């Protein structure tokens, strides 16, 4: 899934579907620590590779 805002993430986490899925996950783990991360940088194509055939 691709969310465009933290509000969308929190809405998903509050949904019945998310809670049901997380319940299934937690049946298989000893400990879970929820985390919300923020993208601070991205990387993309930087031109042809020096070894690429032209």
C-alpha atoms as a PDB file:
ATOM      1  CA  UNK A   1       0.000   0.000   0.000  1.00  0.00           C
ATOM      2  CA  UNK A   2       1.104   3.525  -0.676  1.00  0.00           C
ATOM      3  CA  UNK A   3      -0.187   6.242   1.637  1.00  0.00           C
ATOM      4  CA  UNK A   4       0.148   9.938   0.902  1.00  0.00           C
ATOM      5  CA  UNK A   5      -0.197  11.144   4.500  1.00  0.00           C
ATOM      6  CA  UNK A   6       0.260  10.037   8.098  1.00  0.00           C
ATOM      7  CA  UNK A   7      -3.491  10.452   8.541  1.00  0.00           C
ATOM      8  CA  UNK A   8      -4.064   7.754   5.910  1.00  0.00           C
ATOM      9  CA  UNK A   9      -1.632   5.448   7.727  1.00  0.00           C
ATOM     10  CA  UNK A  10      -3.406   5.984  11.023  1.00  0.00           C
ATOM     11  CA  UNK A  11      -6.807   5.440   9.401  1.00  0.00           C
ATOM     12  CA  UNK A  12      -5.548   2.098   8.012  1.00  0.00           C
ATOM     13  CA  UNK A  13      -4.186   1.110  11.429  1.00  0.00           C
ATOM     14  CA  UNK A  14      -7.584   1.902  12.946  1.00  0.00           C
ATOM     15  CA  UNK A  15      -9.488  -0.234  10.440  1.00  0.00           C
ATOM     16  CA  UNK A  16     -11.020  -3.599  11.249  1.00  0.00           C
ATOM     17  CA  UNK A  17      -9.014  -5.202   8.403  1.00  0.00           C
ATOM     18  CA  UNK A  18      -5.689  -4.018   9.854  1.00  0.00           C
ATOM     19  CA  UNK A  19      -6.607  -5.206  13.354  1.00  0.00           C
ATOM     20  CA  UNK A  20      -7.598  -8.633  12.029  1.00  0.00           C
ATOM     21  CA  UNK A  21      -4.353  -8.966  10.045  1.00  0.00           C
ATOM     22  CA  UNK A  22      -2.209  -7.857  12.982  1.00  0.00           C
ATOM     23  CA  UNK A  23      -3.995 -10.352  15.215  1.00  0.00           C
ATOM     24  CA  UNK A  24      -2.903 -13.141  12.845  1.00  0.00           C
ATOM     25  CA  UNK A  25       0.696 -11.836  12.812  1.00  0.00           C
ATOM     26  CA  UNK A  26       0.844 -11.601  16.594  1.00  0.00           C
ATOM     27  CA  UNK A  27      -0.159 -15.255  16.894  1.00  0.00           C
ATOM     28  CA  UNK A  28       3.289 -16.095  15.465  1.00  0.00           C
ATOM     29  CA  UNK A  29       5.578 -13.710  17.347  1.00  0.00           C
ATOM     30  CA  UNK A  30       6.697 -13.159  20.918  1.00  0.00           C
ATOM     31  CA  UNK A  31       6.975  -9.388  20.805  1.00  0.00           C
ATOM     32  CA  UNK A  32       5.868  -6.573  18.513  1.00  0.00           C
ATOM     33  CA  UNK A  33       6.818  -2.901  18.689  1.00  0.00           C
ATOM     34  CA  UNK A  34       4.838  -0.713  16.277  1.00  0.00           C
ATOM     35  CA  UNK A  35       6.800   1.991  14.514  1.00  0.00           C
ATOM     36  CA  UNK A  36       5.947   4.775  12.101  1.00  0.00           C
ATOM     37  CA  UNK A  37       8.892   5.827   9.955  1.00  0.00           C
ATOM     38  CA  UNK A  38       9.243   8.873   7.754  1.00  0.00           C
ATOM     39  CA  UNK A  39      11.026   8.847   4.396  1.00  0.00           C
ATOM     40  CA  UNK A  40      13.878  11.347   4.569  1.00  0.00           C
ATOM     41  CA  UNK A  41      15.656  10.517   1.295  1.00  0.00           C
ATOM     42  CA  UNK A  42      15.140   8.475  -1.837  1.00  0.00           C
ATOM     43  CA  UNK A  43      17.468   7.241  -4.564  1.00  0.00           C
ATOM     44  CA  UNK A  44      16.754   6.717  -8.216  1.00  0.00           C
ATOM     45  CA  UNK A  45      18.448   6.030 -11.515  1.00  0.00           C
ATOM     46  CA  UNK A  46      21.630   8.023 -11.962  1.00  0.00           C
ATOM     47  CA  UNK A  47      22.339   7.439 -15.623  1.00  0.00           C
ATOM     48  CA  UNK A  48      23.962   4.524 -17.433  1.00  0.00           C
ATOM     49  CA  UNK A  49      26.249   2.205 -15.535  1.00  0.00           C
ATOM     50  CA  UNK A  50      29.902   2.273 -16.625  1.00  0.00           C
ATOM     51  CA  UNK A  51      29.686  -1.425 -17.554  1.00  0.00           C
ATOM     52  CA  UNK A  52      26.443  -1.124 -19.534  1.00  0.00           C
ATOM     53  CA  UNK A  53      26.596  -1.948 -23.227  1.00  0.00           C
ATOM     54  CA  UNK A  54      25.623   0.944 -25.504  1.00  0.00           C
END
